[in-house]
């Protein structure tokens, strides 16, 4: 899943879709935190961890 998102970021950059690439890049840490710690943890806890 993470690999697909990274590829989508690269594809967005290659196609000069900079806002799409930026949005995905900024969402990636939160997506990884949910994947590792689960949806029940708070956003603050995920970022600190």
N, C-alpha and C. Protein backbone atom coordinates (compact mmCIF):
# COMPACT_ATOMS: atom_id res chain seq x y z
N UNK A 1 0.82 -1.19 0.00
CA UNK A 1 0.00 0.00 0.00
C UNK A 1 0.87 1.26 0.00
N UNK A 2 1.86 1.28 0.86
CA UNK A 2 2.74 2.45 0.94
C UNK A 2 3.53 2.59 -0.35
N UNK A 3 3.98 1.46 -0.90
CA UNK A 3 4.72 1.50 -2.16
C UNK A 3 3.86 2.09 -3.27
N UNK A 4 2.59 1.73 -3.29
CA UNK A 4 1.69 2.27 -4.31
C UNK A 4 1.53 3.79 -4.15
N UNK A 5 1.41 4.26 -2.92
CA UNK A 5 1.28 5.69 -2.68
C UNK A 5 2.55 6.44 -3.11
N UNK A 6 3.69 5.87 -2.82
CA UNK A 6 4.95 6.49 -3.23
C UNK A 6 5.05 6.55 -4.75
N UNK A 7 4.63 5.46 -5.41
CA UNK A 7 4.63 5.46 -6.88
C UNK A 7 3.66 6.50 -7.43
N UNK A 8 2.51 6.66 -6.77
CA UNK A 8 1.55 7.69 -7.19
C UNK A 8 2.12 9.09 -7.02
N UNK A 9 2.88 9.31 -5.96
CA UNK A 9 3.53 10.61 -5.77
C UNK A 9 4.53 10.86 -6.91
N UNK A 10 5.32 9.85 -7.22
CA UNK A 10 6.29 9.99 -8.31
C UNK A 10 5.60 10.23 -9.65
N UNK A 11 4.51 9.49 -9.90
CA UNK A 11 3.77 9.69 -11.15
C UNK A 11 3.17 11.09 -11.22
N UNK A 12 2.68 11.57 -10.09
CA UNK A 12 2.13 12.93 -10.06
C UNK A 12 3.20 13.96 -10.39
N UNK A 13 4.38 13.77 -9.85
CA UNK A 13 5.49 14.69 -10.15
C UNK A 13 5.90 14.61 -11.61
N UNK A 14 5.95 13.39 -12.14
CA UNK A 14 6.32 13.21 -13.55
C UNK A 14 5.32 13.90 -14.48
N UNK A 15 4.05 13.93 -14.07
CA UNK A 15 3.00 14.54 -14.88
C UNK A 15 2.72 15.98 -14.49
N UNK A 16 3.60 16.54 -13.66
CA UNK A 16 3.51 17.93 -13.22
C UNK A 16 2.20 18.24 -12.50
N UNK A 17 1.71 17.25 -11.76
CA UNK A 17 0.52 17.44 -10.91
C UNK A 17 1.04 17.68 -9.49
N UNK A 18 1.56 18.86 -9.27
CA UNK A 18 2.28 19.16 -8.04
C UNK A 18 1.38 19.18 -6.81
N UNK A 19 0.16 19.68 -6.95
CA UNK A 19 -0.74 19.71 -5.80
C UNK A 19 -1.15 18.30 -5.37
N UNK A 20 -1.36 17.42 -6.33
CA UNK A 20 -1.68 16.03 -6.01
C UNK A 20 -0.50 15.37 -5.30
N UNK A 21 0.70 15.60 -5.80
CA UNK A 21 1.90 15.04 -5.18
C UNK A 21 2.08 15.56 -3.76
N UNK A 22 1.88 16.85 -3.58
CA UNK A 22 2.02 17.46 -2.26
C UNK A 22 0.98 16.90 -1.30
N UNK A 23 -0.25 16.78 -1.74
CA UNK A 23 -1.31 16.25 -0.88
C UNK A 23 -1.00 14.83 -0.43
N UNK A 24 -0.57 14.00 -1.36
CA UNK A 24 -0.22 12.62 -0.99
C UNK A 24 0.98 12.57 -0.06
N UNK A 25 1.98 13.40 -0.33
CA UNK A 25 3.18 13.41 0.51
C UNK A 25 2.86 13.85 1.94
N UNK A 26 1.96 14.81 2.09
CA UNK A 26 1.59 15.28 3.43
C UNK A 26 0.70 14.28 4.15
N UNK A 27 -0.06 13.50 3.42
CA UNK A 27 -0.94 12.50 4.03
C UNK A 27 -0.20 11.21 4.39
N UNK A 28 0.93 10.98 3.77
CA UNK A 28 1.65 9.71 3.94
C UNK A 28 2.02 9.39 5.39
N UNK A 29 2.53 10.32 6.20
CA UNK A 29 2.85 9.97 7.60
C UNK A 29 1.62 9.52 8.39
N UNK A 30 0.49 10.15 8.16
CA UNK A 30 -0.73 9.77 8.88
C UNK A 30 -1.20 8.39 8.42
N UNK A 31 -1.12 8.11 7.14
CA UNK A 31 -1.51 6.81 6.60
C UNK A 31 -0.62 5.72 7.18
N UNK A 32 0.67 5.97 7.26
CA UNK A 32 1.60 4.99 7.84
C UNK A 32 1.33 4.78 9.32
N UNK A 33 0.99 5.85 10.03
CA UNK A 33 0.68 5.73 11.45
C UNK A 33 -0.55 4.89 11.70
N UNK A 34 -1.57 5.06 10.88
CA UNK A 34 -2.78 4.24 11.02
C UNK A 34 -2.46 2.79 10.70
N UNK A 35 -1.64 2.55 9.68
CA UNK A 35 -1.28 1.18 9.32
C UNK A 35 -0.52 0.49 10.45
N UNK A 36 0.32 1.23 11.14
CA UNK A 36 1.13 0.62 12.19
C UNK A 36 0.41 0.55 13.54
N UNK A 37 -0.29 1.61 13.93
CA UNK A 37 -0.86 1.68 15.27
C UNK A 37 -2.37 1.45 15.31
N UNK A 38 -3.03 1.46 14.18
CA UNK A 38 -4.47 1.23 14.14
C UNK A 38 -5.25 2.52 14.17
N UNK A 39 -6.51 2.41 13.79
CA UNK A 39 -7.38 3.58 13.68
C UNK A 39 -7.81 4.15 15.03
N UNK A 40 -7.71 3.37 16.08
CA UNK A 40 -8.20 3.80 17.38
C UNK A 40 -7.24 4.73 18.10
N UNK A 41 -6.03 4.85 17.62
CA UNK A 41 -5.08 5.76 18.27
C UNK A 41 -5.31 7.18 17.78
N UNK A 42 -5.00 8.14 18.64
CA UNK A 42 -5.21 9.54 18.27
C UNK A 42 -4.12 9.99 17.30
N UNK A 43 -4.40 11.02 16.55
CA UNK A 43 -3.43 11.55 15.59
C UNK A 43 -2.17 12.00 16.32
N UNK A 44 -2.32 12.70 17.43
CA UNK A 44 -1.17 13.18 18.19
C UNK A 44 -0.29 12.01 18.65
N UNK A 45 -0.91 10.94 19.13
CA UNK A 45 -0.15 9.78 19.59
C UNK A 45 0.61 9.14 18.43
N UNK A 46 -0.04 9.07 17.26
CA UNK A 46 0.61 8.47 16.10
C UNK A 46 1.84 9.28 15.69
N UNK A 47 1.74 10.60 15.68
CA UNK A 47 2.87 11.43 15.27
C UNK A 47 4.01 11.38 16.29
N UNK A 48 3.67 11.34 17.56
CA UNK A 48 4.71 11.25 18.59
C UNK A 48 5.42 9.92 18.52
N UNK A 49 4.66 8.86 18.34
CA UNK A 49 5.23 7.51 18.24
C UNK A 49 6.05 7.39 16.99
